[in-house]
Amino acid sequence: MLSVFSGLALEHRASLLKMVTISIGSQTLMPDGDNHPNKLITVADKALYLAKESGRGQFIQWDSSNMVKV
């Protein structure tokens, strides 16, 4: 997804880089009765902010045991 997006080369005139970049945080939960949609959103949000802190164009997948940088 990141390579497809970067291949679009979308201009961002207000940015120092002059290009639009994306950061993605993702979470996958297995249905086990203990999961709630709010938990999914909260963890994905944490992954997103970790991706942003890691630099532009990052994808972070939250695994129940750890964060995985993709």
PDB file of N, CA and C in Angstrom:
ATOM      1  N   MET A   1       0.824  -1.175   0.000  1.00  0.00           N
ATOM      2  CA  MET A   1       0.000   0.000   0.000  1.00  0.00           C
ATOM      3  C   MET A   1       0.879   1.254   0.000  1.00  0.00           C
ATOM      4  N   LEU A   2       1.943   1.234   0.808  1.00  0.00           N
ATOM      5  CA  LEU A   2       2.825   2.399   0.856  1.00  0.00           C
ATOM      6  C   LEU A   2       3.495   2.653  -0.487  1.00  0.00           C
ATOM      7  N   SER A   3       3.939   1.591  -1.158  1.00  0.00           N
ATOM      8  CA  SER A   3       4.617   1.780  -2.443  1.00  0.00           C
ATOM      9  C   SER A   3       3.649   2.281  -3.508  1.00  0.00           C
ATOM     10  N   VAL A   4       2.410   1.806  -3.474  1.00  0.00           N
ATOM     11  CA  VAL A   4       1.401   2.289  -4.426  1.00  0.00           C
ATOM     12  C   VAL A   4       1.148   3.766  -4.188  1.00  0.00           C
ATOM     13  N   PHE A   5       0.979   4.142  -2.923  1.00  0.00           N
ATOM     14  CA  PHE A   5       0.704   5.539  -2.599  1.00  0.00           C
ATOM     15  C   PHE A   5       1.879   6.430  -2.981  1.00  0.00           C
ATOM     16  N   SER A   6       3.096   6.015  -2.648  1.00  0.00           N
ATOM     17  CA  SER A   6       4.252   6.853  -2.977  1.00  0.00           C
ATOM     18  C   SER A   6       4.429   6.978  -4.487  1.00  0.00           C
ATOM     19  N   GLY A   7       4.003   5.955  -5.229  1.00  0.00           N
ATOM     20  CA  GLY A   7       4.070   6.007  -6.685  1.00  0.00           C
ATOM     21  C   GLY A   7       3.136   7.039  -7.297  1.00  0.00           C
ATOM     22  N   LEU A   8       2.142   7.471  -6.531  1.00  0.00           N
ATOM     23  CA  LEU A   8       1.219   8.496  -7.028  1.00  0.00           C
ATOM     24  C   LEU A   8       1.870   9.869  -7.078  1.00  0.00           C
ATOM     25  N   ALA A   9       2.883  10.081  -6.234  1.00  0.00           N
ATOM     26  CA  ALA A   9       3.627  11.347  -6.194  1.00  0.00           C
ATOM     27  C   ALA A   9       2.694  12.553  -6.114  1.00  0.00           C
ATOM     28  N   LEU A  10       1.841  12.552  -5.100  1.00  0.00           N
ATOM     29  CA  LEU A  10       0.899  13.651  -4.915  1.00  0.00           C
ATOM     30  C   LEU A  10       1.605  14.871  -4.331  1.00  0.00           C
ATOM     31  N   GLU A  11       1.422  15.999  -4.963  1.00  0.00           N
ATOM     32  CA  GLU A  11       2.077  17.232  -4.540  1.00  0.00           C
ATOM     33  C   GLU A  11       1.413  17.798  -3.287  1.00  0.00           C
ATOM     34  N   HIS A  12       2.259  18.313  -2.373  1.00  0.00           N
ATOM     35  CA  HIS A  12       1.787  18.984  -1.157  1.00  0.00           C
ATOM     36  C   HIS A  12       2.590  20.275  -1.042  1.00  0.00           C
ATOM     37  N   ARG A  13       2.076  21.329  -1.573  1.00  0.00           N
ATOM     38  CA  ARG A  13       2.818  22.589  -1.672  1.00  0.00           C
ATOM     39  C   ARG A  13       3.170  23.189  -0.319  1.00  0.00           C
ATOM     40  N   ALA A  14       2.366  22.915   0.718  1.00  0.00           N
ATOM     41  CA  ALA A  14       2.612  23.501   2.033  1.00  0.00           C
ATOM     42  C   ALA A  14       3.643  22.712   2.846  1.00  0.00           C
ATOM     43  N   SER A  15       4.074  21.555   2.355  1.00  0.00           N
ATOM     44  CA  SER A  15       5.015  20.705   3.083  1.00  0.00           C
ATOM     45  C   SER A  15       6.448  20.994   2.654  1.00  0.00           C
ATOM     46  N   LEU A  16       7.376  20.834   3.592  1.00  0.00           N
ATOM     47  CA  LEU A  16       8.791  20.986   3.245  1.00  0.00           C
ATOM     48  C   LEU A  16       9.233  19.934   2.238  1.00  0.00           C
ATOM     49  N   LEU A  17       8.631  18.744   2.308  1.00  0.00           N
ATOM     50  CA  LEU A  17       8.973  17.674   1.365  1.00  0.00           C
ATOM     51  C   LEU A  17       8.315  17.847   0.004  1.00  0.00           C
ATOM     52  N   LYS A  18       7.273  18.662  -0.031  1.00  0.00           N
ATOM     53  CA  LYS A  18       6.514  18.936  -1.258  1.00  0.00           C
ATOM     54  C   LYS A  18       5.731  17.735  -1.785  1.00  0.00           C
ATOM     55  N   MET A  19       5.706  16.628  -1.034  1.00  0.00           N
ATOM     56  CA  MET A  19       4.962  15.434  -1.434  1.00  0.00           C
ATOM     57  C   MET A  19       4.088  14.970  -0.268  1.00  0.00           C
ATOM     58  N   VAL A  20       2.929  14.405  -0.585  1.00  0.00           N
ATOM     59  CA  VAL A  20       2.054  13.822   0.426  1.00  0.00           C
ATOM     60  C   VAL A  20       2.642  12.468   0.830  1.00  0.00           C
ATOM     61  N   THR A  21       2.719  12.232   2.137  1.00  0.00           N
ATOM     62  CA  THR A  21       3.171  10.937   2.652  1.00  0.00           C
ATOM     63  C   THR A  21       2.088  10.377   3.569  1.00  0.00           C
ATOM     64  N   ILE A  22       2.141   9.069   3.816  1.00  0.00           N
ATOM     65  CA  ILE A  22       1.168   8.465   4.723  1.00  0.00           C
ATOM     66  C   ILE A  22       1.889   7.608   5.757  1.00  0.00           C
ATOM     67  N   SER A  23       1.272   7.530   6.921  1.00  0.00           N
ATOM     68  CA  SER A  23       1.688   6.612   7.973  1.00  0.00           C
ATOM     69  C   SER A  23       0.458   5.800   8.334  1.00  0.00           C
ATOM     70  N   ILE A  24       0.651   4.499   8.561  1.00  0.00           N
ATOM     71  CA  ILE A  24      -0.480   3.608   8.815  1.00  0.00           C
ATOM     72  C   ILE A  24      -0.239   2.826  10.095  1.00  0.00           C
ATOM     73  N   GLY A  25      -1.265   2.768  10.940  1.00  0.00           N
ATOM     74  CA  GLY A  25      -1.255   1.912  12.118  1.00  0.00           C
ATOM     75  C   GLY A  25      -2.373   0.901  11.970  1.00  0.00           C
ATOM     76  N   SER A  26      -2.076  -0.360  12.229  1.00  0.00           N
ATOM     77  CA  SER A  26      -3.057  -1.417  12.002  1.00  0.00           C
ATOM     78  C   SER A  26      -3.100  -2.359  13.195  1.00  0.00           C
ATOM     79  N   GLN A  27      -4.254  -2.967  13.408  1.00  0.00           N
ATOM     80  CA  GLN A  27      -4.445  -3.925  14.494  1.00  0.00           C
ATOM     81  C   GLN A  27      -5.356  -5.032  14.005  1.00  0.00           C
ATOM     82  N   THR A  28      -5.050  -6.240  14.367  1.00  0.00           N
ATOM     83  CA  THR A  28      -5.901  -7.381  14.050  1.00  0.00           C
ATOM     84  C   THR A  28      -6.259  -8.082  15.349  1.00  0.00           C
ATOM     85  N   LEU A  29      -7.537  -8.345  15.538  1.00  0.00           N
ATOM     86  CA  LEU A  29      -7.993  -9.072  16.724  1.00  0.00           C
ATOM     87  C   LEU A  29      -8.694 -10.345  16.296  1.00  0.00           C
ATOM     88  N   MET A  30      -8.460 -11.388  17.027  1.00  0.00           N
ATOM     89  CA  MET A  30      -9.178 -12.637  16.801  1.00  0.00           C
ATOM     90  C   MET A  30     -10.452 -12.605  17.643  1.00  0.00           C
ATOM     91  N   PRO A  31     -11.578 -12.977  17.077  1.00  0.00           N
ATOM     92  CA  PRO A  31     -12.820 -12.962  17.853  1.00  0.00           C
ATOM     93  C   PRO A  31     -12.766 -14.007  18.969  1.00  0.00           C
ATOM     94  N   ASP A  32     -12.759 -13.512  20.198  1.00  0.00           N
ATOM     95  CA  ASP A  32     -12.706 -14.440  21.326  1.00  0.00           C
ATOM     96  C   ASP A  32     -13.632 -14.027  22.462  1.00  0.00           C
ATOM     97  N   GLY A  33     -14.499 -13.077  22.210  1.00  0.00           N
ATOM     98  CA  GLY A  33     -15.440 -12.645  23.229  1.00  0.00           C
ATOM     99  C   GLY A  33     -14.884 -11.583  24.156  1.00  0.00           C
ATOM    100  N   ASP A  34     -13.552 -11.435  24.210  1.00  0.00           N
ATOM    101  CA  ASP A  34     -12.925 -10.445  25.078  1.00  0.00           C
ATOM    102  C   ASP A  34     -12.609  -9.161  24.320  1.00  0.00           C
ATOM    103  N   ASN A  35     -12.805  -9.174  23.019  1.00  0.00           N
ATOM    104  CA  ASN A  35     -12.454  -8.023  22.195  1.00  0.00           C
ATOM    105  C   ASN A  35     -13.651  -7.105  22.016  1.00  0.00           C
ATOM    106  N   HIS A  36     -13.354  -5.836  21.992  1.00  0.00           N
ATOM    107  CA  HIS A  36     -14.371  -4.807  21.835  1.00  0.00           C
ATOM    108  C   HIS A  36     -13.895  -3.853  20.746  1.00  0.00           C
ATOM    109  N   PRO A  37     -14.803  -3.317  19.938  1.00  0.00           N
ATOM    110  CA  PRO A  37     -14.385  -2.397  18.868  1.00  0.00           C
ATOM    111  C   PRO A  37     -13.539  -1.230  19.374  1.00  0.00           C
ATOM    112  N   ASN A  38     -13.835  -0.727  20.562  1.00  0.00           N
ATOM    113  CA  ASN A  38     -13.037   0.381  21.100  1.00  0.00           C
ATOM    114  C   ASN A  38     -11.590  -0.037  21.333  1.00  0.00           C
ATOM    115  N   LYS A  39     -11.375  -1.289  21.730  1.00  0.00           N
ATOM    116  CA  LYS A  39     -10.016  -1.799  21.927  1.00  0.00           C
ATOM    117  C   LYS A  39      -9.274  -1.816  20.596  1.00  0.00           C
ATOM    118  N   LEU A  40      -9.945  -2.262  19.556  1.00  0.00           N
ATOM    119  CA  LEU A  40      -9.353  -2.299  18.223  1.00  0.00           C
ATOM    120  C   LEU A  40      -8.916  -0.901  17.791  1.00  0.00           C
ATOM    121  N   ILE A  41      -9.786   0.066  17.973  1.00  0.00           N
ATOM    122  CA  ILE A  41      -9.494   1.447  17.568  1.00  0.00           C
ATOM    123  C   ILE A  41      -8.361   2.026  18.407  1.00  0.00           C
ATOM    124  N   THR A  42      -8.389   1.800  19.713  1.00  0.00           N
ATOM    125  CA  THR A  42      -7.356   2.332  20.603  1.00  0.00           C
ATOM    126  C   THR A  42      -5.977   1.794  20.244  1.00  0.00           C
ATOM    127  N   VAL A  43      -5.886   0.497  20.017  1.00  0.00           N
ATOM    128  CA  VAL A  43      -4.589  -0.110  19.700  1.00  0.00           C
ATOM    129  C   VAL A  43      -4.117   0.311  18.309  1.00  0.00           C
ATOM    130  N   ALA A  44      -5.016   0.376  17.343  1.00  0.00           N
ATOM    131  CA  ALA A  44      -4.645   0.835  15.998  1.00  0.00           C
ATOM    132  C   ALA A  44      -4.163   2.279  16.051  1.00  0.00           C
ATOM    133  N   ASP A  45      -4.782   3.094  16.899  1.00  0.00           N
ATOM    134  CA  ASP A  45      -4.367   4.487  17.060  1.00  0.00           C
ATOM    135  C   ASP A  45      -2.954   4.560  17.639  1.00  0.00           C
ATOM    136  N   LYS A  46      -2.660   3.716  18.620  1.00  0.00           N
ATOM    137  CA  LYS A  46      -1.303   3.672  19.177  1.00  0.00           C
ATOM    138  C   LYS A  46      -0.299   3.278  18.099  1.00  0.00           C
ATOM    139  N   ALA A  47      -0.667   2.305  17.274  1.00  0.00           N
ATOM    140  CA  ALA A  47       0.213   1.877  16.184  1.00  0.00           C
ATOM    141  C   ALA A  47       0.428   3.011  15.186  1.00  0.00           C
ATOM    142  N   LEU A  48      -0.624   3.768  14.903  1.00  0.00           N
ATOM    143  CA  LEU A  48      -0.504   4.905  13.990  1.00  0.00           C
ATOM    144  C   LEU A  48       0.491   5.931  14.523  1.00  0.00           C
ATOM    145  N   TYR A  49       0.374   6.282  15.806  1.00  0.00           N
ATOM    146  CA  TYR A  49       1.284   7.280  16.360  1.00  0.00           C
ATOM    147  C   TYR A  49       2.713   6.759  16.441  1.00  0.00           C
ATOM    148  N   LEU A  50       2.894   5.470  16.652  1.00  0.00           N
ATOM    149  CA  LEU A  50       4.235   4.895  16.599  1.00  0.00           C
ATOM    150  C   LEU A  50       4.785   4.988  15.172  1.00  0.00           C
ATOM    151  N   ALA A  51       3.931   4.741  14.185  1.00  0.00           N
ATOM    152  CA  ALA A  51       4.351   4.870  12.784  1.00  0.00           C
ATOM    153  C   ALA A  51       4.776   6.301  12.489  1.00  0.00           C
ATOM    154  N   LYS A  52       4.006   7.273  12.966  1.00  0.00           N
ATOM    155  CA  LYS A  52       4.349   8.682  12.731  1.00  0.00           C
ATOM    156  C   LYS A  52       5.665   9.044  13.405  1.00  0.00           C
ATOM    157  N   GLU A  53       5.880   8.543  14.622  1.00  0.00           N
ATOM    158  CA  GLU A  53       7.118   8.827  15.341  1.00  0.00           C
ATOM    159  C   GLU A  53       8.322   8.161  14.675  1.00  0.00           C
ATOM    160  N   SER A  54       8.086   7.092  13.926  1.00  0.00           N
ATOM    161  CA  SER A  54       9.168   6.347  13.276  1.00  0.00           C
ATOM    162  C   SER A  54       9.624   6.991  11.973  1.00  0.00           C
ATOM    163  N   GLY A  55       8.918   7.988  11.510  1.00  0.00           N
ATOM    164  CA  GLY A  55       9.284   8.664  10.273  1.00  0.00           C
ATOM    165  C   GLY A  55       8.191   8.542   9.234  1.00  0.00           C
ATOM    166  N   ARG A  56       8.355   9.258   8.164  1.00  0.00           N
ATOM    167  CA  ARG A  56       7.336   9.271   7.113  1.00  0.00           C
ATOM    168  C   ARG A  56       7.275   7.941   6.381  1.00  0.00           C
ATOM    169  N   GLY A  57       6.078   7.632   5.873  1.00  0.00           N
ATOM    170  CA  GLY A  57       5.912   6.449   5.048  1.00  0.00           C
ATOM    171  C   GLY A  57       6.085   5.138   5.795  1.00  0.00           C
ATOM    172  N   GLN A  58       5.562   5.056   7.006  1.00  0.00           N
ATOM    173  CA  GLN A  58       5.707   3.849   7.817  1.00  0.00           C
ATOM    174  C   GLN A  58       4.376   3.122   7.958  1.00  0.00           C
ATOM    175  N   PHE A  59       4.455   1.802   8.087  1.00  0.00           N
ATOM    176  CA  PHE A  59       3.290   0.960   8.357  1.00  0.00           C
ATOM    177  C   PHE A  59       3.625   0.131   9.591  1.00  0.00           C
ATOM    178  N   ILE A  60       2.845   0.285  10.656  1.00  0.00           N
ATOM    179  CA  ILE A  60       3.051  -0.477  11.886  1.00  0.00           C
ATOM    180  C   ILE A  60       1.842  -1.364  12.113  1.00  0.00           C
ATOM    181  N   GLN A  61       2.089  -2.659  12.236  1.00  0.00           N
ATOM    182  CA  GLN A  61       1.039  -3.641  12.519  1.00  0.00           C
ATOM    183  C   GLN A  61       1.157  -4.037  13.982  1.00  0.00           C
ATOM    184  N   TRP A  62       0.087  -3.843  14.747  1.00  0.00           N
ATOM    185  CA  TRP A  62       0.101  -4.251  16.149  1.00  0.00           C
ATOM    186  C   TRP A  62      -0.263  -5.718  16.227  1.00  0.00           C
ATOM    187  N   ASP A  63       0.633  -6.472  16.793  1.00  0.00           N
ATOM    188  CA  ASP A  63       0.417  -7.885  17.066  1.00  0.00           C
ATOM    189  C   ASP A  63       0.145  -7.958  18.573  1.00  0.00           C
ATOM    190  N   SER A  64      -0.642  -8.892  19.029  1.00  0.00           N
ATOM    191  CA  SER A  64      -0.975  -8.948  20.447  1.00  0.00           C
ATOM    192  C   SER A  64       0.265  -9.088  21.323  1.00  0.00           C
ATOM    193  N   SER A  65       1.361  -9.585  20.778  1.00  0.00           N
ATOM    194  CA  SER A  65       2.577  -9.735  21.572  1.00  0.00           C
ATOM    195  C   SER A  65       3.559  -8.577  21.382  1.00  0.00           C
ATOM    196  N   ASN A  66       3.465  -7.864  20.261  1.00  0.00           N
ATOM    197  CA  ASN A  66       4.394  -6.758  20.018  1.00  0.00           C
ATOM    198  C   ASN A  66       3.964  -5.953  18.803  1.00  0.00           C
ATOM    199  N   MET A  67       4.672  -4.849  18.592  1.00  0.00           N
ATOM    200  CA  MET A  67       4.468  -4.043  17.398  1.00  0.00           C
ATOM    201  C   MET A  67       5.401  -4.571  16.318  1.00  0.00           C
ATOM    202  N   VAL A  68       4.916  -4.638  15.108  1.00  0.00           N
ATOM    203  CA  VAL A  68       5.723  -5.112  13.989  1.00  0.00           C
ATOM    204  C   VAL A  68       5.777  -4.012  12.951  1.00  0.00           C
ATOM    205  N   LYS A  69       6.986  -3.565  12.616  1.00  0.00           N
ATOM    206  CA  LYS A  69       7.157  -2.551  11.578  1.00  0.00           C
ATOM    207  C   LYS A  69       7.201  -3.260  10.242  1.00  0.00           C
ATOM    208  N   VAL A  70       6.312  -2.882   9.337  1.00  0.00           N
ATOM    209  CA  VAL A  70       6.229  -3.534   8.027  1.00  0.00           C
ATOM    210  C   VAL A  70       6.791  -2.604   6.974  1.00  0.00           C
TER     211      VAL A  70
END
